[in-house]
Amino acid sequence: MDVKEYKSPVYSVIAVPVEKVCANDYNPNVVAPPEMKLLELSIWEDGFTMPCVCYYDKENDKYIIVDGFHRYRVMLTSKRIYKREKGLLPVVVIDKDLSHRMGSTIRHNRARGTHSVELMTSIVAELTRAGMSDSWIMKNIGMDKDELLRLKQISGLAALFADKDFSIPEPMIPAPKDED
């Protein structure tokens, strides 16, 4: 491959009718329902910021997903996004055989990494200091109450709990045993 002539697929995004797109049958990635809701919210609030990566099957005139299955699912299941986007999914095309597409799918999945607890704690602290409510943080970052509480506890910042009313429970004293 000549480096001077190579053009990354991202510079050639096309709008494809979602009906011409289909899932591959080898993606091991699974997204839990709360994260799917967050993805739908993210696409609604920010739009599609990353295209789906597809292989174009000329014989069947279909775009087979290599990466972006869950963005594709959101387009199919969210009426408001489908309507706003006019049923068009942003796609980039790669031309690779099946084994190389499988490798691409796994690389895309694994390269995403995980969230650092320390960084998420800092983000929660900053949002709290900025005056964002717990409900706003939970909705916009996709957290449940327990996760938000854990991150606030980890941070150790009393200010994160300043607007909360709580007390320390009394220790339970075991009932005396009956002696016979």
C-alpha atoms as a PDB file:
ATOM      1  CA  MET A   1       0.000   0.000   0.000  1.00  0.00           C
ATOM      2  CA  ASP A   2       1.418   3.361  -1.023  1.00  0.00           C
ATOM      3  CA  VAL A   3       1.143   5.679   1.990  1.00  0.00           C
ATOM      4  CA  LYS A   4       0.867   8.782  -0.207  1.00  0.00           C
ATOM      5  CA  GLU A   5      -2.198   7.454  -2.032  1.00  0.00           C
ATOM      6  CA  TYR A   6      -3.996   5.862   0.918  1.00  0.00           C
ATOM      7  CA  LYS A   7      -7.187   7.606   2.027  1.00  0.00           C
ATOM      8  CA  SER A   8      -8.816   6.495   5.288  1.00  0.00           C
ATOM      9  CA  PRO A   9     -12.462   5.424   4.934  1.00  0.00           C
ATOM     10  CA  VAL A  10     -13.640   8.148   7.331  1.00  0.00           C
ATOM     11  CA  TYR A  11     -13.052  10.741   4.595  1.00  0.00           C
ATOM     12  CA  SER A  12     -15.690   9.063   2.454  1.00  0.00           C
ATOM     13  CA  VAL A  13     -18.799   8.877   4.653  1.00  0.00           C
ATOM     14  CA  ILE A  14     -21.978   8.091   2.717  1.00  0.00           C
ATOM     15  CA  ALA A  15     -25.633   8.202   3.752  1.00  0.00           C
ATOM     16  CA  VAL A  16     -27.188   4.777   3.213  1.00  0.00           C
ATOM     17  CA  PRO A  17     -30.871   3.890   3.615  1.00  0.00           C
ATOM     18  CA  VAL A  18     -30.918   1.808   6.803  1.00  0.00           C
ATOM     19  CA  GLU A  19     -32.966  -0.839   4.976  1.00  0.00           C
ATOM     20  CA  LYS A  20     -29.891  -1.597   2.832  1.00  0.00           C
ATOM     21  CA  VAL A  21     -27.775  -2.282   5.960  1.00  0.00           C
ATOM     22  CA  CYS A  22     -27.622  -5.619   7.760  1.00  0.00           C
ATOM     23  CA  ALA A  23     -25.808  -7.069  10.742  1.00  0.00           C
ATOM     24  CA  ASN A  24     -22.963  -9.522  10.430  1.00  0.00           C
ATOM     25  CA  ASP A  25     -23.370 -12.904  12.102  1.00  0.00           C
ATOM     26  CA  TYR A  26     -20.115 -12.957  14.056  1.00  0.00           C
ATOM     27  CA  ASN A  27     -20.046  -9.908  16.363  1.00  0.00           C
ATOM     28  CA  PRO A  28     -19.582 -11.041  19.987  1.00  0.00           C
ATOM     29  CA  ASN A  29     -20.185  -7.551  21.424  1.00  0.00           C
ATOM     30  CA  VAL A  30     -23.227  -7.130  23.655  1.00  0.00           C
ATOM     31  CA  VAL A  31     -24.558  -3.876  25.099  1.00  0.00           C
ATOM     32  CA  ALA A  32     -26.775  -3.900  28.172  1.00  0.00           C
ATOM     33  CA  PRO A  33     -30.158  -2.102  28.055  1.00  0.00           C
ATOM     34  CA  PRO A  34     -29.037   0.914  30.154  1.00  0.00           C
ATOM     35  CA  GLU A  35     -26.128   1.555  27.796  1.00  0.00           C
ATOM     36  CA  MET A  36     -28.422   1.169  24.776  1.00  0.00           C
ATOM     37  CA  LYS A  37     -30.686   3.850  26.254  1.00  0.00           C
ATOM     38  CA  LEU A  38     -27.628   6.041  26.747  1.00  0.00           C
ATOM     39  CA  LEU A  39     -26.530   5.429  23.153  1.00  0.00           C
ATOM     40  CA  GLU A  40     -29.987   6.443  21.921  1.00  0.00           C
ATOM     41  CA  LEU A  41     -29.806   9.601  24.044  1.00  0.00           C
ATOM     42  CA  SER A  42     -26.289  10.323  22.807  1.00  0.00           C
ATOM     43  CA  ILE A  43     -27.357  10.030  19.163  1.00  0.00           C
ATOM     44  CA  TRP A  44     -30.447  12.137  19.854  1.00  0.00           C
ATOM     45  CA  GLU A  45     -28.497  14.865  21.659  1.00  0.00           C
ATOM     46  CA  ASP A  46     -25.275  14.842  19.619  1.00  0.00           C
ATOM     47  CA  GLY A  47     -26.287  13.246  16.321  1.00  0.00           C
ATOM     48  CA  PHE A  48     -24.279  10.469  14.699  1.00  0.00           C
ATOM     49  CA  THR A  49     -20.707  11.445  15.471  1.00  0.00           C
ATOM     50  CA  MET A  50     -19.175   8.250  14.114  1.00  0.00           C
ATOM     51  CA  PRO A  51     -20.235   6.406  10.982  1.00  0.00           C
ATOM     52  CA  CYS A  52     -20.872   2.678  10.940  1.00  0.00           C
ATOM     53  CA  VAL A  53     -18.147   0.646   9.262  1.00  0.00           C
ATOM     54  CA  CYS A  54     -19.510  -1.666   6.575  1.00  0.00           C
ATOM     55  CA  TYR A  55     -18.522  -3.988   3.786  1.00  0.00           C
ATOM     56  CA  TYR A  56     -20.516  -3.512   0.588  1.00  0.00           C
ATOM     57  CA  ASP A  57     -21.903  -6.773  -0.789  1.00  0.00           C
ATOM     58  CA  LYS A  58     -22.396  -5.873  -4.469  1.00  0.00           C
ATOM     59  CA  GLU A  59     -24.178  -9.129  -5.300  1.00  0.00           C
ATOM     60  CA  ASN A  60     -26.971  -8.471  -2.784  1.00  0.00           C
ATOM     61  CA  ASP A  61     -26.715  -4.654  -2.779  1.00  0.00           C
ATOM     62  CA  LYS A  62     -26.341  -4.695   1.014  1.00  0.00           C
ATOM     63  CA  TYR A  63     -23.999  -3.021   3.476  1.00  0.00           C
ATOM     64  CA  ILE A  64     -22.838  -5.565   6.071  1.00  0.00           C
ATOM     65  CA  ILE A  65     -21.829  -4.058   9.389  1.00  0.00           C
ATOM     66  CA  VAL A  66     -18.255  -4.518  10.552  1.00  0.00           C
ATOM     67  CA  ASP A  67     -18.516  -1.984  13.403  1.00  0.00           C
ATOM     68  CA  GLY A  68     -21.453   0.083  14.586  1.00  0.00           C
ATOM     69  CA  PHE A  69     -24.121  -2.568  15.077  1.00  0.00           C
ATOM     70  CA  HIS A  70     -25.591  -0.824  18.120  1.00  0.00           C
ATOM     71  CA  ARG A  71     -25.767   2.551  16.342  1.00  0.00           C
ATOM     72  CA  TYR A  72     -27.566   0.717  13.538  1.00  0.00           C
ATOM     73  CA  ARG A  73     -29.964  -0.859  16.084  1.00  0.00           C
ATOM     74  CA  VAL A  74     -30.736   2.568  17.520  1.00  0.00           C
ATOM     75  CA  MET A  75     -31.620   3.817  14.030  1.00  0.00           C
ATOM     76  CA  LEU A  76     -34.005   0.866  13.627  1.00  0.00           C
ATOM     77  CA  THR A  77     -35.636   1.142  17.049  1.00  0.00           C
ATOM     78  CA  SER A  78     -35.792   4.900  17.717  1.00  0.00           C
ATOM     79  CA  LYS A  79     -38.608   6.445  15.708  1.00  0.00           C
ATOM     80  CA  ARG A  80     -37.477   9.976  16.534  1.00  0.00           C
ATOM     81  CA  ILE A  81     -33.930   9.359  15.305  1.00  0.00           C
ATOM     82  CA  TYR A  82     -35.086   7.478  12.208  1.00  0.00           C
ATOM     83  CA  LYS A  83     -37.400  10.373  11.355  1.00  0.00           C
ATOM     84  CA  ARG A  84     -34.818  13.086  12.003  1.00  0.00           C
ATOM     85  CA  GLU A  85     -32.159  11.245   9.980  1.00  0.00           C
ATOM     86  CA  LYS A  86     -34.681  10.457   7.211  1.00  0.00           C
ATOM     87  CA  GLY A  87     -33.803   6.765   7.558  1.00  0.00           C
ATOM     88  CA  LEU A  88     -30.217   7.363   6.410  1.00  0.00           C
ATOM     89  CA  LEU A  89     -27.333   5.815   8.323  1.00  0.00           C
ATOM     90  CA  PRO A  90     -23.824   7.305   8.029  1.00  0.00           C
ATOM     91  CA  VAL A  91     -21.507   4.593   6.714  1.00  0.00           C
ATOM     92  CA  VAL A  92     -17.910   4.163   5.632  1.00  0.00           C
ATOM     93  CA  VAL A  93     -17.007   1.191   3.463  1.00  0.00           C
ATOM     94  CA  ILE A  94     -14.016  -1.082   3.825  1.00  0.00           C
ATOM     95  CA  ASP A  95     -13.190  -3.696   1.213  1.00  0.00           C
ATOM     96  CA  LYS A  96     -11.884  -6.768   3.044  1.00  0.00           C
ATOM     97  CA  ASP A  97     -12.566 -10.465   2.881  1.00  0.00           C
ATOM     98  CA  LEU A  98     -14.588 -12.105   5.651  1.00  0.00           C
ATOM     99  CA  SER A  99     -11.668 -13.149   7.865  1.00  0.00           C
ATOM    100  CA  HIS A 100     -10.206  -9.641   7.768  1.00  0.00           C
ATOM    101  CA  ARG A 101     -13.637  -8.127   8.485  1.00  0.00           C
ATOM    102  CA  MET A 102     -13.920 -10.402  11.511  1.00  0.00           C
ATOM    103  CA  GLY A 103     -10.538  -9.177  12.715  1.00  0.00           C
ATOM    104  CA  SER A 104     -11.647  -5.576  12.162  1.00  0.00           C
ATOM    105  CA  THR A 105     -14.815  -6.142  14.205  1.00  0.00           C
ATOM    106  CA  ILE A 106     -12.866  -7.547  17.150  1.00  0.00           C
ATOM    107  CA  ARG A 107     -10.246  -4.770  16.981  1.00  0.00           C
ATOM    108  CA  HIS A 108     -12.950  -2.110  16.949  1.00  0.00           C
ATOM    109  CA  ASN A 109     -14.699  -3.718  19.934  1.00  0.00           C
ATOM    110  CA  ARG A 110     -11.591  -4.230  22.028  1.00  0.00           C
ATOM    111  CA  ALA A 111     -10.006  -0.871  21.222  1.00  0.00           C
ATOM    112  CA  ARG A 112     -12.861   0.961  22.944  1.00  0.00           C
ATOM    113  CA  GLY A 113     -11.493   0.100  26.363  1.00  0.00           C
ATOM    114  CA  THR A 114     -13.283   0.696  29.637  1.00  0.00           C
ATOM    115  CA  HIS A 115     -13.965   3.724  31.787  1.00  0.00           C
ATOM    116  CA  SER A 116     -11.509   4.503  34.542  1.00  0.00           C
ATOM    117  CA  VAL A 117     -13.189   4.675  37.948  1.00  0.00           C
ATOM    118  CA  GLU A 118     -10.896   7.552  38.920  1.00  0.00           C
ATOM    119  CA  LEU A 119     -11.800   9.589  35.833  1.00  0.00           C
ATOM    120  CA  MET A 120     -15.516   8.874  36.220  1.00  0.00           C
ATOM    121  CA  THR A 121     -15.283   9.941  39.881  1.00  0.00           C
ATOM    122  CA  SER A 122     -13.625  13.201  38.824  1.00  0.00           C
ATOM    123  CA  ILE A 123     -16.319  13.819  36.222  1.00  0.00           C
ATOM    124  CA  VAL A 124     -19.094  13.233  38.786  1.00  0.00           C
ATOM    125  CA  ALA A 125     -17.353  15.548  41.242  1.00  0.00           C
ATOM    126  CA  GLU A 126     -16.976  18.276  38.622  1.00  0.00           C
ATOM    127  CA  LEU A 127     -20.608  17.995  37.506  1.00  0.00           C
ATOM    128  CA  THR A 128     -21.771  18.115  41.124  1.00  0.00           C
ATOM    129  CA  ARG A 129     -19.648  21.195  41.797  1.00  0.00           C
ATOM    130  CA  ALA A 130     -21.140  22.761  38.660  1.00  0.00           C
ATOM    131  CA  GLY A 131     -24.571  22.382  40.254  1.00  0.00           C
ATOM    132  CA  MET A 132     -25.905  19.484  38.187  1.00  0.00           C
ATOM    133  CA  SER A 133     -28.482  17.398  40.042  1.00  0.00           C
ATOM    134  CA  ASP A 134     -28.125  13.692  40.678  1.00  0.00           C
ATOM    135  CA  SER A 135     -30.989  13.031  38.274  1.00  0.00           C
ATOM    136  CA  TRP A 136     -29.275  15.108  35.562  1.00  0.00           C
ATOM    137  CA  ILE A 137     -25.998  13.225  36.079  1.00  0.00           C
ATOM    138  CA  MET A 138     -27.730   9.832  36.040  1.00  0.00           C
ATOM    139  CA  LYS A 139     -29.656  10.653  32.850  1.00  0.00           C
ATOM    140  CA  ASN A 140     -26.828  12.265  30.916  1.00  0.00           C
ATOM    141  CA  ILE A 141     -24.026   9.899  31.901  1.00  0.00           C
ATOM    142  CA  GLY A 142     -26.168   6.775  31.994  1.00  0.00           C
ATOM    143  CA  MET A 143     -25.713   5.876  35.650  1.00  0.00           C
ATOM    144  CA  ASP A 144     -28.095   4.389  38.134  1.00  0.00           C
ATOM    145  CA  LYS A 145     -28.449   5.729  41.688  1.00  0.00           C
ATOM    146  CA  ASP A 146     -26.180   3.078  43.208  1.00  0.00           C
ATOM    147  CA  GLU A 147     -23.341   3.735  40.771  1.00  0.00           C
ATOM    148  CA  LEU A 148     -23.573   7.487  41.349  1.00  0.00           C
ATOM    149  CA  LEU A 149     -23.530   6.946  45.110  1.00  0.00           C
ATOM    150  CA  ARG A 150     -20.483   4.634  44.854  1.00  0.00           C
ATOM    151  CA  LEU A 151     -18.558   7.195  42.787  1.00  0.00           C
ATOM    152  CA  LYS A 152     -19.404   9.936  45.252  1.00  0.00           C
ATOM    153  CA  GLN A 153     -18.287   7.702  48.131  1.00  0.00           C
ATOM    154  CA  ILE A 154     -15.017   6.839  46.371  1.00  0.00           C
ATOM    155  CA  SER A 155     -14.231  10.502  45.884  1.00  0.00           C
ATOM    156  CA  GLY A 156     -14.458  11.183  49.602  1.00  0.00           C
ATOM    157  CA  LEU A 157     -15.576  14.727  48.931  1.00  0.00           C
ATOM    158  CA  ALA A 158     -18.091  15.866  51.533  1.00  0.00           C
ATOM    159  CA  ALA A 159     -19.249  18.570  49.131  1.00  0.00           C
ATOM    160  CA  LEU A 160     -20.713  15.894  46.866  1.00  0.00           C
ATOM    161  CA  PHE A 161     -23.149  15.014  49.641  1.00  0.00           C
ATOM    162  CA  ALA A 162     -23.827  18.565  50.828  1.00  0.00           C
ATOM    163  CA  ASP A 163     -27.392  18.600  49.500  1.00  0.00           C
ATOM    164  CA  LYS A 164     -28.263  15.183  50.934  1.00  0.00           C
ATOM    165  CA  ASP A 165     -30.036  14.496  54.201  1.00  0.00           C
ATOM    166  CA  PHE A 166     -28.777  11.308  55.775  1.00  0.00           C
ATOM    167  CA  SER A 167     -27.887   9.823  59.129  1.00  0.00           C
ATOM    168  CA  ILE A 168     -25.706   7.032  60.378  1.00  0.00           C
ATOM    169  CA  PRO A 169     -27.850   4.070  61.450  1.00  0.00           C
ATOM    170  CA  GLU A 170     -27.625   2.804  65.006  1.00  0.00           C
ATOM    171  CA  PRO A 171     -25.691  -0.461  65.327  1.00  0.00           C
ATOM    172  CA  MET A 172     -27.876  -3.478  65.811  1.00  0.00           C
ATOM    173  CA  ILE A 173     -27.464  -5.087  69.212  1.00  0.00           C
ATOM    174  CA  PRO A 174     -28.174  -8.807  69.124  1.00  0.00           C
ATOM    175  CA  ALA A 175     -31.046  -9.947  71.317  1.00  0.00           C
ATOM    176  CA  PRO A 176     -29.928 -11.879  74.396  1.00  0.00           C
ATOM    177  CA  LYS A 177     -30.081 -15.622  74.063  1.00  0.00           C
ATOM    178  CA  ASP A 178     -32.416 -17.540  76.297  1.00  0.00           C
ATOM    179  CA  GLU A 179     -30.421 -19.607  78.746  1.00  0.00           C
ATOM    180  CA  ASP A 180     -32.059 -22.859  79.811  1.00  0.00           C
END
